[in-house]
Amino acid sequence: MRKVLSFTLVFLAFNGLGQPKSFLSRSELGLNVGKTYYLGDLNPYQQFKNAHNAIGALYRYNFNNRLTLRCTYLNGKVSAADSTSPYPLLVNRNLSFQSKIHEVAAGLEFHYVPFQFGSSRYPATAYLIAQLGVFHMNPQIFYNNAWQDLQVLATEGQGTSLNNKRPYSLFQICLPLGMGMKVSLGKMATLNLDIAIRKTFTDYLDDVGSDSYFDAQILEDEVSDLSATISNMSLDGNRFGKRGTSSTKDWYVYTGLTFTMRLGKKGSCFY
């Protein structure tokens, strides 16, 4: 009985030592730098317009040489201003915003061809990205020489007698969908280029969701003078002009470079 117990303990000890090596050899940590930009009511068409610096982190777990678990953190910013639009209708609307983005997401990478660290046969691959994420936003406008938080101003009557809408949440769900390329830098590192568009389920990344303006007097009475002013910034002061497009949601995009390092040396597996 003692021999069986001793054998079992030795087996578990060696097995426990082996698991971290396999786990670490399949794991990567990385840092990324790049750009973020926005597509929505204040920038409906122009790619890479008002792109801002972004940084982040990446963890990968390689199931095999074709499929990888991907967990990411992104810290970026998006902004837009009607004053820079090529369309006179938007210039007249005269809205603007900025919002810092903090995003965490997890999902999968699928490699077009097998990939192996330090391999002369499979040193590089392109891949698809599909993730589910949560991000924090906080749309602001620069007014009276200061940045004003827009959500609390209820510029579309949220929480007032004008409608039954509640204030929109500053935490939202997104779907990062994109593609990338990576190349092996020896047996322990990779260099990656990613681009992924974030499908969101909110129209308030820019604080603009309604088709029309709201009664400024009620906004002034129930919220503040500032809310009434910022709700309609149009150059011609037309209360019945078009504010936004309620039928579409906002998007943002990240593109950048990532450098990753393996957390363990090559084990008995192909990774």
Protein backbone atom coordinates (compact mmCIF):
# COMPACT_ATOMS: atom_id res chain seq x y z
CA MET A 1 0.00 0.00 0.00
CA ARG A 2 2.83 2.36 0.87
CA LYS A 3 4.51 1.57 -2.48
CA VAL A 4 1.31 2.32 -4.36
CA LEU A 5 0.90 5.61 -2.48
CA SER A 6 4.51 6.56 -3.11
CA PHE A 7 4.20 5.78 -6.82
CA THR A 8 1.01 7.83 -7.02
CA LEU A 9 2.61 10.85 -5.36
CA VAL A 10 5.66 10.67 -7.64
CA PHE A 11 3.42 10.35 -10.72
CA LEU A 12 1.31 13.34 -9.69
CA ALA A 13 4.40 15.41 -8.98
CA PHE A 14 5.94 14.76 -12.38
CA ASN A 15 2.58 15.23 -14.10
CA GLY A 16 2.06 18.54 -12.30
CA LEU A 17 5.50 19.73 -13.36
CA GLY A 18 4.79 18.78 -16.95
CA GLN A 19 1.50 20.64 -17.24
CA PRO A 20 2.85 24.16 -16.63
CA LYS A 21 5.58 23.56 -19.20
CA SER A 22 3.01 22.54 -21.82
CA PHE A 23 0.72 25.40 -20.86
CA LEU A 24 3.47 28.00 -20.88
CA SER A 25 4.97 26.77 -24.13
CA ARG A 26 1.58 27.32 -25.79
CA SER A 27 1.09 30.77 -24.20
CA GLU A 28 2.18 34.20 -25.42
CA LEU A 29 2.09 37.69 -23.95
CA GLY A 30 2.39 40.79 -26.08
CA LEU A 31 2.17 44.55 -26.29
CA ASN A 32 0.59 46.44 -29.15
CA VAL A 33 0.68 49.99 -30.49
CA GLY A 34 -1.51 51.41 -33.22
CA LYS A 35 -4.39 53.72 -34.11
CA THR A 36 -8.12 53.89 -33.38
CA TYR A 37 -10.77 55.79 -35.32
CA TYR A 38 -14.54 56.05 -35.48
CA LEU A 39 -17.35 55.62 -38.02
CA GLY A 40 -20.79 57.00 -37.18
CA ASP A 41 -23.07 60.00 -37.48
CA LEU A 42 -20.20 62.51 -37.37
CA ASN A 43 -17.99 60.51 -39.75
CA PRO A 44 -20.14 58.20 -41.86
CA TYR A 45 -17.66 57.26 -44.59
CA GLN A 46 -14.03 58.36 -44.23
CA GLN A 47 -11.64 55.59 -43.18
CA PHE A 48 -8.72 56.47 -40.85
CA LYS A 49 -10.02 60.02 -40.34
CA ASN A 50 -9.09 61.51 -36.93
CA ALA A 51 -7.10 58.40 -35.99
CA HIS A 52 -5.61 58.49 -32.49
CA ASN A 53 -2.74 56.64 -30.84
CA ALA A 54 -3.70 53.44 -29.02
CA ILE A 55 -1.89 50.91 -26.87
CA GLY A 56 -2.85 47.52 -25.51
CA ALA A 57 -1.92 44.03 -24.44
CA LEU A 58 -2.49 40.55 -25.83
CA TYR A 59 -2.55 37.04 -24.39
CA ARG A 60 -2.65 33.99 -26.67
CA TYR A 61 -3.09 30.31 -25.98
CA ASN A 62 -2.28 28.19 -29.01
CA PHE A 63 -4.54 25.13 -29.14
CA ASN A 64 -2.69 23.93 -32.23
CA ASN A 65 -0.95 25.44 -35.25
CA ARG A 66 -4.24 26.63 -36.79
CA LEU A 67 -6.41 27.77 -33.86
CA THR A 68 -5.58 30.21 -31.05
CA LEU A 69 -7.44 31.67 -28.07
CA ARG A 70 -6.98 35.45 -28.03
CA CYS A 71 -7.57 37.80 -25.07
CA THR A 72 -6.93 41.52 -25.52
CA TYR A 73 -6.99 44.88 -23.76
CA LEU A 74 -7.18 48.12 -25.76
CA ASN A 75 -6.76 51.71 -24.59
CA GLY A 76 -7.57 54.22 -27.33
CA LYS A 77 -9.58 57.28 -28.28
CA VAL A 78 -12.05 58.27 -31.00
CA SER A 79 -13.25 61.69 -32.10
CA ALA A 80 -14.97 63.59 -34.91
CA ALA A 81 -16.14 67.11 -35.72
CA ASP A 82 -18.71 68.27 -38.26
CA SER A 83 -16.55 71.32 -38.95
CA THR A 84 -14.07 69.09 -40.83
CA SER A 85 -16.72 67.31 -42.91
CA PRO A 86 -16.81 67.70 -46.73
CA TYR A 87 -20.63 67.73 -46.57
CA PRO A 88 -22.33 71.15 -46.06
CA LEU A 89 -25.29 69.60 -44.20
CA LEU A 90 -22.95 68.15 -41.56
CA VAL A 91 -20.89 71.33 -41.34
CA ASN A 92 -24.09 73.23 -40.55
CA ARG A 93 -25.02 70.73 -37.82
CA ASN A 94 -21.75 71.70 -36.07
CA LEU A 95 -21.52 68.83 -33.55
CA SER A 96 -18.27 67.33 -32.23
CA PHE A 97 -17.10 64.83 -29.65
CA GLN A 98 -14.27 62.76 -28.29
CA SER A 99 -14.36 59.57 -26.23
CA LYS A 100 -11.67 57.49 -24.59
CA ILE A 101 -12.07 53.75 -25.14
CA HIS A 102 -11.12 50.99 -22.70
CA GLU A 103 -11.89 47.56 -24.14
CA VAL A 104 -11.40 43.96 -23.01
CA ALA A 105 -12.22 41.14 -25.41
CA ALA A 106 -11.70 37.42 -25.93
CA GLY A 107 -12.15 35.15 -28.92
CA LEU A 108 -10.34 33.14 -31.56
CA GLU A 109 -7.71 33.47 -34.25
CA PHE A 110 -7.88 31.09 -37.19
CA HIS A 111 -4.67 30.73 -39.22
CA TYR A 112 -4.93 30.41 -43.00
CA VAL A 113 -1.88 28.13 -42.99
CA PRO A 114 -0.21 26.29 -40.09
CA PHE A 115 2.11 28.40 -37.96
CA GLN A 116 5.06 27.23 -35.85
CA PHE A 117 7.64 29.21 -33.91
CA GLY A 118 11.09 29.04 -35.48
CA SER A 119 9.91 26.83 -38.35
CA SER A 120 11.44 27.26 -41.79
CA ARG A 121 8.38 25.58 -43.30
CA TYR A 122 5.64 27.52 -41.45
CA PRO A 123 7.29 30.80 -40.35
CA ALA A 124 4.34 33.12 -41.12
CA THR A 125 0.60 33.15 -41.63
CA ALA A 126 -2.42 35.37 -42.12
CA TYR A 127 -5.35 34.92 -39.76
CA LEU A 128 -8.95 35.87 -39.06
CA ILE A 129 -10.05 37.46 -35.77
CA ALA A 130 -13.44 36.96 -34.10
CA GLN A 131 -13.97 38.19 -30.52
CA LEU A 132 -16.60 39.29 -28.04
CA GLY A 133 -15.77 42.33 -25.94
CA VAL A 134 -16.93 44.97 -23.47
CA PHE A 135 -15.79 48.58 -23.68
CA HIS A 136 -16.16 51.74 -21.62
CA MET A 137 -16.81 55.03 -23.38
CA ASN A 138 -17.43 58.58 -22.21
CA PRO A 139 -18.40 61.00 -25.01
CA GLN A 140 -17.37 64.59 -24.33
CA ILE A 141 -17.53 67.96 -26.09
CA PHE A 142 -15.07 70.84 -25.77
CA TYR A 143 -17.15 73.85 -24.77
CA ASN A 144 -16.29 77.03 -22.82
CA ASN A 145 -12.62 76.00 -22.75
CA ALA A 146 -13.36 72.71 -20.96
CA TRP A 147 -14.33 69.14 -21.78
CA GLN A 148 -17.96 68.50 -20.83
CA ASP A 149 -19.32 64.97 -20.28
CA LEU A 150 -22.25 64.54 -22.67
CA GLN A 151 -24.16 61.64 -21.13
CA VAL A 152 -25.15 63.61 -18.01
CA LEU A 153 -26.41 66.48 -20.20
CA ALA A 154 -29.19 64.33 -21.71
CA THR A 155 -28.93 66.15 -25.04
CA GLU A 156 -31.67 63.94 -26.51
CA GLY A 157 -34.01 64.23 -23.56
CA GLN A 158 -33.03 61.00 -21.82
CA GLY A 159 -34.66 60.85 -18.40
CA THR A 160 -36.88 63.89 -19.03
CA SER A 161 -40.53 64.38 -19.95
CA LEU A 162 -39.53 64.59 -23.63
CA ASN A 163 -39.35 60.80 -24.03
CA ASN A 164 -39.15 57.54 -22.10
CA LYS A 165 -35.48 56.87 -22.86
CA ARG A 166 -33.10 56.23 -20.01
CA PRO A 167 -29.54 57.61 -20.04
CA TYR A 168 -27.39 55.37 -22.20
CA SER A 169 -24.83 53.15 -20.49
CA LEU A 170 -21.15 54.02 -20.66
CA PHE A 171 -20.39 50.27 -20.76
CA GLN A 172 -21.23 48.58 -24.06
CA ILE A 173 -20.73 45.27 -25.88
CA CYS A 174 -18.69 45.05 -29.08
CA LEU A 175 -17.69 42.43 -31.62
CA PRO A 176 -14.08 42.86 -32.81
CA LEU A 177 -13.91 41.27 -36.27
CA GLY A 178 -10.87 41.46 -38.50
CA MET A 179 -7.71 39.96 -39.86
CA GLY A 180 -3.99 39.99 -39.33
CA MET A 181 -0.60 38.67 -40.32
CA LYS A 182 2.19 37.36 -38.12
CA VAL A 183 5.76 36.22 -38.63
CA SER A 184 7.95 34.16 -36.33
CA LEU A 185 10.99 35.89 -34.84
CA GLY A 186 12.88 32.76 -33.91
CA LYS A 187 11.52 30.20 -31.47
CA MET A 188 10.24 32.62 -28.82
CA ALA A 189 8.65 35.69 -30.43
CA THR A 190 6.29 36.95 -33.15
CA LEU A 191 5.58 40.24 -34.89
CA ASN A 192 1.93 40.86 -35.85
CA LEU A 193 -0.10 43.35 -37.87
CA ASP A 194 -3.83 43.51 -37.03
CA ILE A 195 -6.84 45.42 -38.27
CA ALA A 196 -10.25 44.80 -36.70
CA ILE A 197 -13.48 46.75 -36.86
CA ARG A 198 -15.61 46.88 -33.73
CA LYS A 199 -19.31 46.37 -34.31
CA THR A 200 -21.13 48.03 -31.42
CA PHE A 201 -24.75 47.91 -30.32
CA THR A 202 -25.01 51.56 -29.36
CA ASP A 203 -25.65 54.74 -31.34
CA TYR A 204 -24.25 56.92 -28.57
CA LEU A 205 -20.51 56.56 -28.87
CA ASP A 206 -20.79 60.10 -30.29
CA ASP A 207 -23.84 61.10 -28.15
CA VAL A 208 -25.90 61.39 -31.37
CA GLY A 209 -28.70 58.88 -31.86
CA SER A 210 -31.94 60.71 -32.65
CA ASP A 211 -33.08 61.85 -36.09
CA SER A 212 -34.32 65.20 -34.77
CA TYR A 213 -33.65 67.87 -32.14
CA PHE A 214 -35.54 68.19 -28.89
CA ASP A 215 -37.30 71.13 -27.30
CA ALA A 216 -34.53 73.34 -25.93
CA GLN A 217 -36.81 75.02 -23.39
CA ILE A 218 -37.72 71.71 -21.74
CA LEU A 219 -34.05 70.67 -21.70
CA GLU A 220 -33.22 73.98 -20.04
CA ASP A 221 -35.98 73.60 -17.47
CA GLU A 222 -35.42 69.92 -16.63
CA VAL A 223 -31.68 69.49 -17.16
CA SER A 224 -29.59 72.66 -17.58
CA ASP A 225 -28.84 75.66 -19.79
CA LEU A 226 -25.78 73.83 -21.03
CA SER A 227 -27.86 70.83 -22.12
CA ALA A 228 -30.17 73.06 -24.14
CA THR A 229 -27.24 74.82 -25.82
CA ILE A 230 -25.24 71.74 -26.71
CA SER A 231 -28.23 69.73 -27.90
CA ASN A 232 -28.55 71.99 -30.96
CA MET A 233 -25.29 73.60 -32.10
CA SER A 234 -26.41 74.13 -35.71
CA LEU A 235 -25.04 77.21 -37.42
CA ASP A 236 -28.45 78.24 -38.75
CA GLY A 237 -30.24 77.50 -35.45
CA ASN A 238 -32.86 75.37 -37.19
CA ARG A 239 -34.74 73.39 -34.52
CA PHE A 240 -36.28 71.14 -37.18
CA GLY A 241 -33.03 70.11 -38.88
CA LYS A 242 -31.59 66.58 -38.92
CA ARG A 243 -29.56 65.69 -35.82
CA GLY A 244 -28.53 62.07 -36.54
CA THR A 245 -29.51 58.72 -38.03
CA SER A 246 -31.30 56.45 -35.59
CA SER A 247 -31.31 53.46 -37.96
CA THR A 248 -27.55 52.87 -37.74
CA LYS A 249 -25.11 52.08 -34.93
CA ASP A 250 -21.62 53.42 -34.31
CA TRP A 251 -18.38 51.56 -35.08
CA TYR A 252 -14.73 51.99 -34.20
CA VAL A 253 -11.61 50.43 -35.69
CA TYR A 254 -8.19 49.47 -34.36
CA THR A 255 -5.14 48.75 -36.49
CA GLY A 256 -1.60 48.27 -35.23
CA LEU A 257 1.50 46.20 -34.55
CA THR A 258 1.91 43.63 -31.77
CA PHE A 259 5.08 42.02 -30.44
CA THR A 260 4.59 38.79 -28.46
CA MET A 261 6.86 36.49 -26.45
CA ARG A 262 6.26 32.87 -25.50
CA LEU A 263 6.05 32.25 -21.78
CA GLY A 264 7.80 28.88 -21.89
CA LYS A 265 10.27 26.94 -23.95
CA LYS A 266 9.17 24.40 -26.55
CA GLY A 267 7.63 21.33 -24.97
CA SER A 268 6.90 17.92 -26.39
CA CYS A 269 4.00 19.34 -28.46
CA PHE A 270 4.40 20.90 -31.91
CA TYR A 271 4.27 24.36 -30.38
